[in-house]
Amino acid sequence: MKMKTWKVISNTGKQADLESGLEKKEVQKPTHISAKEFVHWLAAKSQIDDDSLRSLFKL
C-alpha cells in the first residue's frame, strides 16, 4: 500500500486545509494540543504523510 502525502495549503491554528493530487480535506485541530502546536506541527507549505497525520490525533 502506497503512503499518501498531503501538502498543507493553509493553516489557521484551528483548521488546516490539505491537498493530495485532486483530493482535498480539512483537518480540525485536536482538542488535546494548542493552536501554536498545531500551526508548528502542520506548518503551511509543508508535506505530511497519512501516518504522521494519524499520530497527531492519538492521545
N, C-alpha and C. Protein backbone atom coordinates (compact mmCIF):
# COMPACT_ATOMS: atom_id res chain seq x y z
N MET A 1 0.84 -1.19 0.00
CA MET A 1 0.00 0.00 0.00
C MET A 1 0.89 1.25 0.00
N LYS A 2 0.66 2.10 -0.96
CA LYS A 2 1.45 3.33 -1.07
C LYS A 2 0.94 4.38 -0.08
N MET A 3 1.88 5.02 0.59
CA MET A 3 1.52 6.04 1.56
C MET A 3 1.17 7.35 0.85
N LYS A 4 0.07 7.95 1.26
CA LYS A 4 -0.35 9.22 0.66
C LYS A 4 0.36 10.37 1.35
N THR A 5 0.82 11.32 0.57
CA THR A 5 1.45 12.53 1.11
C THR A 5 0.53 13.71 0.85
N TRP A 6 0.30 14.48 1.89
CA TRP A 6 -0.57 15.65 1.81
C TRP A 6 0.26 16.92 1.84
N LYS A 7 -0.12 17.89 1.03
CA LYS A 7 0.51 19.21 1.05
C LYS A 7 -0.41 20.13 1.85
N VAL A 8 0.17 20.86 2.79
CA VAL A 8 -0.62 21.79 3.60
C VAL A 8 -0.80 23.08 2.80
N ILE A 9 -2.04 23.40 2.50
CA ILE A 9 -2.35 24.60 1.71
C ILE A 9 -2.47 25.82 2.62
N SER A 10 -3.20 25.67 3.72
CA SER A 10 -3.34 26.76 4.69
C SER A 10 -3.53 26.18 6.08
N ASN A 11 -3.20 26.99 7.08
CA ASN A 11 -3.34 26.55 8.46
C ASN A 11 -3.63 27.77 9.32
N THR A 12 -4.82 27.78 9.93
CA THR A 12 -5.24 28.92 10.74
C THR A 12 -4.95 28.74 12.22
N GLY A 13 -4.48 27.57 12.60
CA GLY A 13 -4.29 27.27 14.02
C GLY A 13 -5.46 26.49 14.59
N LYS A 14 -6.61 26.58 13.92
CA LYS A 14 -7.79 25.80 14.33
C LYS A 14 -8.16 24.78 13.26
N GLN A 15 -7.76 25.05 12.02
CA GLN A 15 -8.08 24.17 10.91
C GLN A 15 -6.99 24.27 9.86
N ALA A 16 -6.68 23.14 9.24
CA ALA A 16 -5.71 23.13 8.15
C ALA A 16 -6.37 22.54 6.91
N ASP A 17 -6.06 23.09 5.77
CA ASP A 17 -6.55 22.56 4.50
C ASP A 17 -5.41 21.80 3.84
N LEU A 18 -5.68 20.54 3.49
CA LEU A 18 -4.67 19.67 2.90
C LEU A 18 -5.09 19.26 1.50
N GLU A 19 -4.09 18.96 0.66
CA GLU A 19 -4.36 18.55 -0.72
C GLU A 19 -3.39 17.43 -1.11
N SER A 20 -3.94 16.42 -1.76
CA SER A 20 -3.11 15.33 -2.29
C SER A 20 -3.64 15.03 -3.69
N GLY A 21 -2.95 15.55 -4.70
CA GLY A 21 -3.45 15.41 -6.06
C GLY A 21 -4.76 16.16 -6.20
N LEU A 22 -5.82 15.46 -6.61
CA LEU A 22 -7.13 16.09 -6.75
C LEU A 22 -7.95 16.02 -5.46
N GLU A 23 -7.46 15.24 -4.50
CA GLU A 23 -8.18 15.06 -3.25
C GLU A 23 -7.83 16.17 -2.26
N LYS A 24 -8.85 16.70 -1.60
CA LYS A 24 -8.63 17.75 -0.60
C LYS A 24 -9.38 17.38 0.67
N LYS A 25 -8.86 17.83 1.81
CA LYS A 25 -9.59 17.64 3.06
C LYS A 25 -9.23 18.72 4.04
N GLU A 26 -10.14 18.91 5.00
CA GLU A 26 -9.93 19.87 6.07
C GLU A 26 -9.65 19.09 7.34
N VAL A 27 -8.69 19.55 8.11
CA VAL A 27 -8.32 18.90 9.36
C VAL A 27 -8.55 19.89 10.50
N GLN A 28 -9.40 19.51 11.45
CA GLN A 28 -9.65 20.36 12.62
C GLN A 28 -8.58 20.09 13.67
N LYS A 29 -8.23 21.10 14.43
CA LYS A 29 -7.23 20.95 15.49
C LYS A 29 -7.76 20.00 16.55
N PRO A 30 -6.95 19.00 16.92
CA PRO A 30 -7.36 18.12 18.03
C PRO A 30 -7.45 18.92 19.32
N THR A 31 -8.36 18.55 20.20
CA THR A 31 -8.57 19.32 21.43
C THR A 31 -7.41 19.20 22.41
N HIS A 32 -6.57 18.15 22.29
CA HIS A 32 -5.51 17.93 23.27
C HIS A 32 -4.21 18.68 22.97
N ILE A 33 -4.18 19.47 21.89
CA ILE A 33 -2.99 20.28 21.61
C ILE A 33 -3.39 21.74 21.43
N SER A 34 -2.42 22.64 21.61
CA SER A 34 -2.70 24.07 21.48
C SER A 34 -2.65 24.49 20.01
N ALA A 35 -3.21 25.65 19.73
CA ALA A 35 -3.18 26.19 18.37
C ALA A 35 -1.74 26.40 17.91
N LYS A 36 -0.88 26.85 18.82
CA LYS A 36 0.52 27.07 18.48
C LYS A 36 1.19 25.75 18.06
N GLU A 37 0.91 24.68 18.81
CA GLU A 37 1.46 23.37 18.46
C GLU A 37 0.93 22.90 17.11
N PHE A 38 -0.34 23.15 16.86
CA PHE A 38 -0.97 22.73 15.60
C PHE A 38 -0.33 23.45 14.41
N VAL A 39 -0.14 24.77 14.55
CA VAL A 39 0.49 25.54 13.48
C VAL A 39 1.91 25.06 13.24
N HIS A 40 2.63 24.80 14.33
CA HIS A 40 4.01 24.32 14.20
C HIS A 40 4.04 22.92 13.58
N TRP A 41 3.14 22.06 14.02
CA TRP A 41 3.12 20.67 13.58
C TRP A 41 2.71 20.55 12.11
N LEU A 42 1.74 21.35 11.71
CA LEU A 42 1.28 21.36 10.31
C LEU A 42 1.61 22.72 9.69
N ALA A 43 2.87 23.03 9.63
CA ALA A 43 3.30 24.33 9.08
C ALA A 43 2.82 24.49 7.64
N ALA A 44 2.40 25.69 7.30
CA ALA A 44 1.99 25.97 5.92
C ALA A 44 3.14 25.65 4.98
N LYS A 45 2.83 25.17 3.81
CA LYS A 45 3.80 24.79 2.77
C LYS A 45 4.57 23.50 3.11
N SER A 46 4.15 22.79 4.15
CA SER A 46 4.84 21.54 4.49
C SER A 46 4.10 20.37 3.86
N GLN A 47 4.73 19.21 3.93
CA GLN A 47 4.12 18.00 3.42
C GLN A 47 4.09 17.00 4.57
N ILE A 48 3.02 16.23 4.64
CA ILE A 48 2.85 15.30 5.74
C ILE A 48 2.21 14.02 5.21
N ASP A 49 2.64 12.89 5.71
CA ASP A 49 2.05 11.63 5.24
C ASP A 49 0.91 11.21 6.16
N ASP A 50 0.14 10.20 5.70
CA ASP A 50 -1.03 9.74 6.45
C ASP A 50 -0.70 9.27 7.86
N ASP A 51 0.40 8.52 8.03
CA ASP A 51 0.77 8.02 9.35
C ASP A 51 1.07 9.15 10.32
N SER A 52 1.78 10.16 9.85
CA SER A 52 2.11 11.30 10.71
C SER A 52 0.85 12.07 11.07
N LEU A 53 -0.05 12.21 10.13
CA LEU A 53 -1.31 12.91 10.37
C LEU A 53 -2.14 12.15 11.40
N ARG A 54 -2.19 10.83 11.26
CA ARG A 54 -2.93 9.99 12.20
C ARG A 54 -2.35 10.10 13.61
N SER A 55 -1.03 10.15 13.71
CA SER A 55 -0.38 10.21 15.03
C SER A 55 -0.71 11.51 15.76
N LEU A 56 -0.99 12.58 15.02
CA LEU A 56 -1.35 13.85 15.64
C LEU A 56 -2.64 13.73 16.45
N PHE A 57 -3.54 12.85 16.02
CA PHE A 57 -4.85 12.75 16.65
C PHE A 57 -4.93 11.68 17.72
N LYS A 58 -3.81 10.96 17.97
CA LYS A 58 -3.79 9.95 19.04
C LYS A 58 -3.49 10.63 20.36
N LEU A 59 -4.12 10.16 21.39
CA LEU A 59 -3.86 10.70 22.74
C LEU A 59 -2.72 9.96 23.38
